[in-house]
Amino acid sequence: MVPAPVLASWLSARRVDAPVGPVRLLTPTVARAGCGTAPPNRRGEIRRSVYLGCRVRRVADHGLVGDRSLDLSPQGMFVLSDERVEPGTDLLVSFRATDLPIWFDTRATVARVVAGRRLGDDGRGFGLRFQGFPAVSRLILRGHLRRAPRAAPQRWPGVPARQPNADPDYAQVVKDILEGRG
């Protein structure tokens, strides 16, 4: 909360003809809600744990690549598959995620490939990033996915790297030993 004297000086320093209004809009515009502008974080959307059937085909030869999805977001999905697919491959995706008889059809690009060898991997598969997904379809999907649980992180949190020349904090080491943590 801004103190009253600071707020008064700030308001008096503003130009008289400039309107004073809310700093941010509480309701997003249709373009922002439909992902017209990318959020600053890398993921952008929350992945939801949704096990559903889908049809993923190559654009080049229309060969079936996958038919089961583990998680879904308005920006992409993770598909279980034993097929060898290279990152950057263009695919056609069709799926039905809602109770309504709406099929979502879009193009997608393979963003990452999971070999299924690490602890926590659910099997072989690949992550897709949707390309050209219509804003209306994105809004419908986002509204439906709010009811689904969040997907669990697939990677264990990393261990912070220790500086090679940094001396250990001996006081903290002794304290940890005395408290039974070391």
Protein backbone atom coordinates (compact mmCIF):
# COMPACT_ATOMS: atom_id res chain seq x y z
CA MET A 1 0.00 0.00 0.00
CA VAL A 2 1.30 3.42 -0.92
CA PRO A 3 1.42 6.01 1.92
CA ALA A 4 -0.97 8.95 1.46
CA PRO A 5 1.76 11.69 1.17
CA VAL A 6 3.60 9.70 -1.52
CA LEU A 7 0.37 9.06 -3.42
CA ALA A 8 -0.64 12.74 -3.20
CA SER A 9 2.74 13.93 -4.49
CA TRP A 10 2.64 11.35 -7.28
CA LEU A 11 -0.86 12.38 -8.37
CA SER A 12 -0.02 16.10 -8.24
CA ALA A 13 3.10 15.53 -10.35
CA ARG A 14 1.03 13.93 -13.12
CA ARG A 15 -0.26 16.02 -15.97
CA VAL A 16 -3.73 17.41 -15.42
CA ASP A 17 -5.10 16.25 -18.79
CA ALA A 18 -3.90 12.66 -18.29
CA PRO A 19 -6.74 10.44 -17.04
CA VAL A 20 -6.22 8.69 -13.74
CA GLY A 21 -7.39 5.09 -13.91
CA PRO A 22 -6.54 1.53 -12.95
CA VAL A 23 -2.97 0.45 -13.52
CA ARG A 24 -3.94 -2.93 -14.96
CA LEU A 25 -7.06 -4.34 -16.47
CA LEU A 26 -8.73 -7.03 -14.42
CA THR A 27 -10.41 -8.72 -17.37
CA PRO A 28 -8.14 -9.87 -20.18
CA THR A 29 -8.87 -8.98 -23.75
CA VAL A 30 -9.92 -11.72 -26.14
CA ALA A 31 -6.51 -11.57 -27.83
CA ARG A 32 -4.65 -11.97 -24.53
CA ALA A 33 -7.02 -14.70 -23.30
CA GLY A 34 -6.56 -16.55 -26.59
CA CYS A 35 -2.77 -16.35 -26.19
CA GLY A 36 -2.41 -13.52 -28.71
CA THR A 37 0.59 -12.30 -26.70
CA ALA A 38 3.08 -14.69 -25.19
CA PRO A 39 3.52 -14.58 -21.41
CA PRO A 40 7.02 -13.85 -20.12
CA ASN A 41 7.67 -17.31 -18.67
CA ARG A 42 8.95 -20.14 -20.85
CA ARG A 43 6.08 -22.57 -20.48
CA GLY A 44 3.27 -20.04 -20.81
CA GLU A 45 0.45 -22.42 -19.93
CA ILE A 46 -0.17 -24.91 -17.15
CA ARG A 47 0.02 -28.54 -18.25
CA ARG A 48 -2.93 -30.61 -17.12
CA SER A 49 -2.92 -34.35 -16.54
CA VAL A 50 -5.40 -35.55 -19.15
CA TYR A 51 -5.23 -39.07 -20.53
CA LEU A 52 -7.04 -39.02 -23.84
CA GLY A 53 -7.05 -40.63 -27.22
CA CYS A 54 -5.81 -38.64 -30.18
CA ARG A 55 -4.58 -39.05 -33.73
CA VAL A 56 -1.11 -37.74 -34.51
CA ARG A 57 0.03 -38.14 -38.13
CA ARG A 58 3.04 -37.00 -40.12
CA VAL A 59 2.38 -34.21 -42.62
CA ALA A 60 4.70 -35.80 -45.20
CA ASP A 61 3.17 -39.28 -45.53
CA HIS A 62 0.10 -39.17 -43.20
CA GLY A 63 1.49 -42.14 -41.26
CA LEU A 64 0.13 -42.59 -37.73
CA VAL A 65 2.76 -41.64 -35.15
CA GLY A 66 0.81 -41.72 -31.87
CA ASP A 67 -2.66 -42.17 -30.44
CA ARG A 68 -2.42 -41.57 -26.66
CA SER A 69 -1.79 -38.32 -24.81
CA LEU A 70 -0.64 -37.98 -21.19
CA ASP A 71 -0.89 -34.25 -20.62
CA LEU A 72 -2.37 -31.31 -22.44
CA SER A 73 -2.28 -27.53 -22.44
CA PRO A 74 -3.64 -24.93 -24.88
CA GLN A 75 -0.10 -24.68 -26.29
CA GLY A 76 0.76 -28.35 -26.71
CA MET A 77 0.59 -31.94 -25.54
CA PHE A 78 2.76 -34.94 -24.66
CA VAL A 79 2.09 -38.03 -26.79
CA LEU A 80 3.15 -41.58 -25.91
CA SER A 81 4.71 -43.31 -28.89
CA ASP A 82 7.36 -45.86 -29.84
CA GLU A 83 7.88 -44.23 -33.26
CA ARG A 84 11.14 -42.47 -33.97
CA VAL A 85 10.38 -38.79 -34.51
CA GLU A 86 12.98 -36.05 -34.80
CA PRO A 87 12.54 -32.65 -33.10
CA GLY A 88 11.14 -30.12 -35.56
CA THR A 89 9.00 -32.66 -37.45
CA ASP A 90 5.65 -31.26 -38.64
CA LEU A 91 2.61 -33.28 -37.56
CA LEU A 92 -1.18 -33.13 -37.81
CA VAL A 93 -3.03 -33.55 -34.50
CA SER A 94 -6.72 -34.36 -33.91
CA PHE A 95 -8.22 -34.86 -30.48
CA ARG A 96 -11.46 -34.46 -28.56
CA ALA A 97 -10.85 -33.14 -25.04
CA THR A 98 -14.24 -31.83 -23.97
CA ASP A 99 -17.60 -33.47 -23.28
CA LEU A 100 -18.95 -31.57 -26.27
CA PRO A 101 -18.61 -33.18 -29.71
CA ILE A 102 -15.84 -30.77 -30.68
CA TRP A 103 -12.75 -32.07 -32.45
CA PHE A 104 -9.61 -29.97 -32.21
CA ASP A 105 -7.55 -30.21 -35.41
CA THR A 106 -4.25 -28.40 -35.73
CA ARG A 107 -0.69 -28.61 -36.95
CA ALA A 108 2.06 -29.22 -34.43
CA THR A 109 5.83 -29.36 -34.26
CA VAL A 110 7.82 -31.85 -32.19
CA ALA A 111 9.41 -29.77 -29.44
CA ARG A 112 11.17 -32.54 -27.48
CA VAL A 113 11.65 -36.29 -27.57
CA VAL A 114 11.64 -38.44 -24.41
CA ALA A 115 13.43 -41.78 -24.63
CA GLY A 116 11.83 -43.13 -21.44
CA ARG A 117 15.09 -44.08 -19.73
CA ARG A 118 15.12 -41.58 -16.87
CA LEU A 119 13.52 -42.05 -13.49
CA GLY A 120 10.07 -40.47 -13.58
CA ASP A 121 9.51 -40.88 -17.34
CA ASP A 122 6.19 -42.46 -18.21
CA GLY A 123 7.58 -44.08 -21.34
CA ARG A 124 8.77 -43.16 -24.81
CA GLY A 125 7.06 -40.19 -26.37
CA PHE A 126 7.39 -36.64 -27.58
CA GLY A 127 6.16 -33.19 -26.69
CA LEU A 128 4.25 -31.20 -29.28
CA ARG A 129 3.88 -27.45 -29.69
CA PHE A 130 0.69 -26.46 -31.49
CA GLN A 131 1.05 -24.21 -34.55
CA GLY A 132 -1.83 -22.07 -35.77
CA PHE A 133 -4.31 -23.17 -33.10
CA PRO A 134 -7.37 -20.86 -33.45
CA ALA A 135 -7.99 -18.46 -30.55
CA VAL A 136 -11.58 -19.68 -30.05
CA SER A 137 -10.43 -23.30 -29.81
CA ARG A 138 -7.71 -22.24 -27.38
CA LEU A 139 -10.30 -20.49 -25.16
CA ILE A 140 -12.64 -23.51 -25.17
CA LEU A 141 -9.78 -25.87 -24.34
CA ARG A 142 -8.42 -23.62 -21.59
CA GLY A 143 -11.86 -23.38 -19.97
CA HIS A 144 -12.32 -27.15 -20.04
CA LEU A 145 -8.81 -27.91 -18.72
CA ARG A 146 -9.32 -25.79 -15.59
CA ARG A 147 -11.19 -28.75 -14.07
CA ALA A 148 -8.34 -31.20 -14.70
CA PRO A 149 -5.49 -31.68 -12.18
CA ARG A 150 -2.08 -30.22 -12.87
CA ALA A 151 0.48 -32.55 -14.41
CA ALA A 152 3.28 -33.62 -12.10
CA PRO A 153 6.76 -32.34 -12.98
CA GLN A 154 8.65 -34.94 -14.98
CA ARG A 155 12.13 -33.95 -13.88
CA TRP A 156 13.58 -33.96 -10.39
CA PRO A 157 14.70 -30.53 -9.20
CA GLY A 158 18.34 -29.95 -9.98
CA VAL A 159 21.05 -29.76 -7.34
CA PRO A 160 22.59 -26.30 -7.21
CA ALA A 161 26.15 -26.33 -8.54
CA ARG A 162 28.84 -25.66 -5.96
CA GLN A 163 31.60 -23.27 -6.85
CA PRO A 164 34.82 -25.27 -7.36
CA ASN A 165 37.02 -22.85 -5.39
CA ALA A 166 34.47 -21.94 -2.72
CA ASP A 167 35.36 -22.96 0.80
CA PRO A 168 32.61 -24.76 2.72
CA ASP A 169 30.91 -22.93 5.59
CA TYR A 170 32.38 -24.90 8.50
CA ALA A 171 30.05 -23.33 11.05
CA GLN A 172 27.06 -24.53 9.05
CA VAL A 173 28.61 -28.00 8.62
CA VAL A 174 29.13 -28.34 12.39
CA LYS A 175 25.61 -27.05 13.08
CA ASP A 176 24.16 -29.58 10.61
CA ILE A 177 26.13 -32.42 12.24
CA LEU A 178 24.97 -31.44 15.73
CA GLU A 179 21.33 -31.26 14.56
CA GLY A 180 21.61 -34.67 12.86
CA ARG A 181 21.40 -33.45 9.27
CA GLY A 182 25.00 -34.11 8.27
